[in-house]
Amino acid sequence: MALPRARAGAGAWAAAAKAAQRRRRAEGAGGSPSPAARSQRAALYVHSLDDAELQLLGRTHSANDALRTLAEARGLFPGRVSVDLMLGLPAQQVGPWLRRLGDLLRRCDDHVSLYQLSLERGTALFARVQRGALPAPDPELAAEMYQEGRAALREAGFRQYEVSNFARNGPTGDSCPRGLAALPGRLGSRPLSLTTG
């Protein structure tokens, strides 16, 4: 069963993140955190807060798994947690997607990435669309979702600094996650990551 594996993966990630936090505390004991500690970030590949969409994408985590992991990551890396959300999935609609984005914005820190689905030849999702089992993603609908998402992010205090990336706190350059270093454990089929600057 996939869900217990996902929870175990999230737990392994959390254990590794806590170890990193202990190292950062030791480095910065008696003073301010070291530059390395200040630049570490957690990146969570949430993709969706809808379980049916996650299954469609072949992810093994649930929306609740993602939200629990996000809450734990925010406790370990306050103000330094990045999340992503996908748009333009087959049969996805603007209204429900915007509500899920709003839910994510109420729970996330200072960085969000919006990614449009691209169907990749050789994937199960591509094959299902080719067979007609799923509708092809609608590019007009995806464009509307992106524009509405940008507006919601602006309203929540995020600034866009790249096509898919939005940051809320600090100068744009400091908010941009760089140098992802994957930690043990997985949420779905993408690693949870600790960034280093």
Protein backbone atom coordinates (compact mmCIF):
# COMPACT_ATOMS: atom_id res chain seq x y z
CA MET A 1 0.00 0.00 0.00
CA ALA A 2 1.53 3.32 -1.11
CA LEU A 3 0.30 5.62 1.64
CA PRO A 4 2.23 4.05 4.54
CA ARG A 5 5.40 4.25 2.43
CA ALA A 6 4.73 7.93 1.84
CA ARG A 7 4.27 8.53 5.56
CA ALA A 8 7.45 6.63 6.33
CA GLY A 9 9.26 8.70 3.70
CA ALA A 10 7.98 11.93 5.21
CA GLY A 11 9.13 10.70 8.63
CA ALA A 12 12.59 9.88 7.27
CA TRP A 13 12.76 13.34 5.76
CA ALA A 14 11.69 14.93 9.05
CA ALA A 15 14.34 12.96 10.95
CA ALA A 16 17.03 14.13 8.53
CA ALA A 17 15.76 17.71 8.77
CA LYS A 18 15.85 17.58 12.58
CA ALA A 19 19.43 16.30 12.44
CA ALA A 20 20.32 19.21 10.15
CA GLN A 21 18.65 21.61 12.58
CA ARG A 22 20.68 20.18 15.50
CA ARG A 23 23.89 20.65 13.46
CA ARG A 24 22.89 24.24 12.69
CA ARG A 25 22.24 24.92 16.40
CA ALA A 26 25.64 23.47 17.30
CA GLU A 27 27.33 25.64 14.65
CA GLY A 28 25.59 28.75 15.90
CA ALA A 29 25.63 27.99 19.66
CA GLY A 30 26.01 31.09 21.75
CA GLY A 31 25.40 33.49 18.87
CA SER A 32 23.57 34.00 15.65
CA PRO A 33 23.12 31.09 13.26
CA SER A 34 25.95 30.36 10.89
CA PRO A 35 25.61 31.59 7.28
CA ALA A 36 25.03 27.96 6.22
CA ALA A 37 22.20 27.61 8.74
CA ARG A 38 20.54 30.83 7.61
CA SER A 39 20.57 29.73 3.96
CA GLN A 40 19.07 26.26 4.41
CA ARG A 41 15.53 25.86 3.11
CA ALA A 42 13.08 23.01 2.79
CA ALA A 43 11.41 22.46 -0.59
CA LEU A 44 8.25 20.36 -0.70
CA TYR A 45 6.92 19.02 -3.99
CA VAL A 46 3.26 19.14 -2.98
CA HIS A 47 1.87 19.21 -6.58
CA SER A 48 -1.78 19.23 -5.46
CA LEU A 49 -4.00 19.29 -2.41
CA ASP A 50 -6.51 17.01 -4.15
CA ASP A 51 -6.04 13.27 -3.63
CA ALA A 52 -7.57 12.36 -7.01
CA GLU A 53 -5.14 14.70 -8.78
CA LEU A 54 -2.21 13.25 -6.84
CA GLN A 55 -3.23 9.75 -7.91
CA LEU A 56 -3.60 10.95 -11.50
CA LEU A 57 -0.01 12.21 -11.32
CA GLY A 58 1.17 8.89 -9.89
CA ARG A 59 2.10 10.39 -6.51
CA THR A 60 2.02 8.16 -3.46
CA HIS A 61 1.36 10.88 -0.88
CA SER A 62 -2.04 12.28 0.04
CA ALA A 63 -3.02 15.91 0.49
CA ASN A 64 -3.07 15.33 4.27
CA ASP A 65 0.46 13.83 4.11
CA ALA A 66 1.64 16.96 2.29
CA LEU A 67 -0.01 19.31 4.79
CA ARG A 68 1.41 17.43 7.80
CA THR A 69 4.88 17.49 6.25
CA LEU A 70 4.51 21.19 5.44
CA ALA A 71 3.56 21.97 9.05
CA GLU A 72 6.57 20.03 10.34
CA ALA A 73 8.91 21.67 7.83
CA ARG A 74 7.69 25.12 8.85
CA GLY A 75 8.53 24.28 12.45
CA LEU A 76 12.04 23.19 11.49
CA PHE A 77 12.75 25.91 8.92
CA PRO A 78 10.54 28.88 9.85
CA GLY A 79 10.21 31.32 6.97
CA ARG A 80 12.29 29.09 4.70
CA VAL A 81 9.90 26.50 3.25
CA SER A 82 9.15 26.38 -0.46
CA VAL A 83 6.15 24.55 -1.93
CA ASP A 84 4.98 23.87 -5.46
CA LEU A 85 1.58 23.39 -7.02
CA MET A 86 0.71 22.09 -10.48
CA LEU A 87 -1.90 23.49 -12.85
CA GLY A 88 -3.36 22.45 -16.18
CA LEU A 89 -4.03 18.81 -15.29
CA PRO A 90 -6.64 16.93 -17.33
CA ALA A 91 -10.15 17.90 -16.17
CA GLN A 92 -8.81 20.36 -13.58
CA GLN A 93 -11.04 23.43 -13.07
CA VAL A 94 -10.12 27.00 -12.11
CA GLY A 95 -12.41 27.44 -9.08
CA PRO A 96 -11.43 24.32 -7.12
CA TRP A 97 -7.76 24.84 -8.00
CA LEU A 98 -7.85 28.44 -6.74
CA ARG A 99 -9.45 27.28 -3.46
CA ARG A 100 -6.63 24.75 -2.99
CA LEU A 101 -4.05 27.45 -3.80
CA GLY A 102 -5.71 29.67 -1.18
CA ASP A 103 -5.55 26.84 1.36
CA LEU A 104 -1.86 26.33 0.59
CA LEU A 105 -1.17 30.08 0.89
CA ARG A 106 -2.69 30.10 4.37
CA ARG A 107 -0.27 27.36 5.41
CA CYS A 108 2.97 28.08 3.56
CA ASP A 109 5.93 30.32 4.26
CA ASP A 110 7.57 32.60 1.76
CA HIS A 111 8.01 30.73 -1.52
CA VAL A 112 5.59 29.13 -3.99
CA SER A 113 6.18 27.71 -7.46
CA LEU A 114 3.33 27.20 -9.94
CA TYR A 115 4.09 24.61 -12.61
CA GLN A 116 1.98 23.82 -15.64
CA LEU A 117 1.70 20.13 -16.44
CA SER A 118 3.56 19.04 -19.52
CA LEU A 119 2.62 15.61 -20.81
CA GLU A 120 5.77 13.58 -21.31
CA ARG A 121 5.89 10.79 -23.86
CA GLY A 122 6.44 7.45 -22.15
CA THR A 123 4.54 8.32 -18.97
CA ALA A 124 1.33 6.60 -17.86
CA LEU A 125 -0.51 9.94 -17.91
CA PHE A 126 0.55 10.60 -21.51
CA ALA A 127 -0.66 7.12 -22.53
CA ARG A 128 -4.04 7.64 -20.84
CA VAL A 129 -4.56 10.95 -22.67
CA GLN A 130 -3.47 9.38 -25.98
CA ARG A 131 -5.95 6.50 -25.53
CA GLY A 132 -8.75 8.99 -24.78
CA ALA A 133 -9.17 7.73 -21.21
CA LEU A 134 -8.49 11.28 -20.01
CA PRO A 135 -9.09 14.61 -21.73
CA ALA A 136 -6.03 16.45 -23.00
CA PRO A 137 -5.05 19.41 -20.83
CA ASP A 138 -6.72 22.60 -22.04
CA PRO A 139 -4.06 25.28 -22.67
CA GLU A 140 -6.61 28.12 -22.45
CA LEU A 141 -7.81 26.86 -19.09
CA ALA A 142 -4.21 26.44 -17.89
CA ALA A 143 -3.46 30.05 -18.94
CA GLU A 144 -6.51 31.25 -16.99
CA MET A 145 -5.41 29.24 -13.93
CA TYR A 146 -1.92 30.72 -14.15
CA GLN A 147 -3.20 34.31 -14.42
CA GLU A 148 -5.70 33.81 -11.58
CA GLY A 149 -2.98 32.12 -9.51
CA ARG A 150 -0.61 35.04 -10.09
CA ALA A 151 -3.33 37.45 -8.92
CA ALA A 152 -3.99 35.37 -5.78
CA LEU A 153 -0.27 35.26 -5.00
CA ARG A 154 0.08 39.03 -5.47
CA GLU A 155 -2.90 39.58 -3.18
CA ALA A 156 -1.22 37.36 -0.56
CA GLY A 157 1.95 39.50 -0.70
CA PHE A 158 4.06 37.36 -3.04
CA ARG A 159 6.24 38.90 -5.75
CA GLN A 160 6.95 37.06 -8.97
CA TYR A 161 10.68 36.79 -9.75
CA GLU A 162 10.63 34.11 -12.45
CA VAL A 163 7.91 32.64 -14.67
CA SER A 164 6.91 29.98 -12.13
CA ASN A 165 8.36 31.35 -8.88
CA PHE A 166 6.93 33.71 -6.28
CA ALA A 167 8.48 34.95 -3.02
CA ARG A 168 6.89 36.81 -0.12
CA ASN A 169 9.65 37.78 2.34
CA GLY A 170 13.08 39.33 1.93
CA PRO A 171 14.77 40.56 -1.19
CA THR A 172 13.93 38.47 -4.23
CA GLY A 173 17.47 37.14 -4.54
CA ASP A 174 17.45 35.93 -0.93
CA SER A 175 14.06 34.29 -1.38
CA CYS A 176 15.08 32.24 -4.41
CA PRO A 177 15.89 28.67 -3.38
CA ARG A 178 19.11 27.47 -4.95
CA GLY A 179 21.38 24.46 -4.62
CA LEU A 180 18.83 21.81 -3.73
CA ALA A 181 20.38 18.96 -1.80
CA ALA A 182 18.01 16.01 -1.52
CA LEU A 183 17.46 14.52 1.91
CA PRO A 184 16.58 10.90 2.61
CA GLY A 185 12.90 10.14 2.27
CA ARG A 186 10.36 10.95 -0.36
CA LEU A 187 6.93 12.50 -0.51
CA GLY A 188 5.36 10.76 -3.46
CA SER A 189 7.81 10.30 -6.27
CA ARG A 190 9.84 13.50 -5.81
CA PRO A 191 12.40 14.06 -3.06
CA LEU A 192 11.88 16.46 -0.24
CA SER A 193 14.85 18.76 -0.29
CA LEU A 194 16.96 20.94 1.88
CA THR A 195 18.36 23.92 -0.01
CA THR A 196 21.69 25.47 0.80
CA GLY A 197 21.64 28.98 -0.48
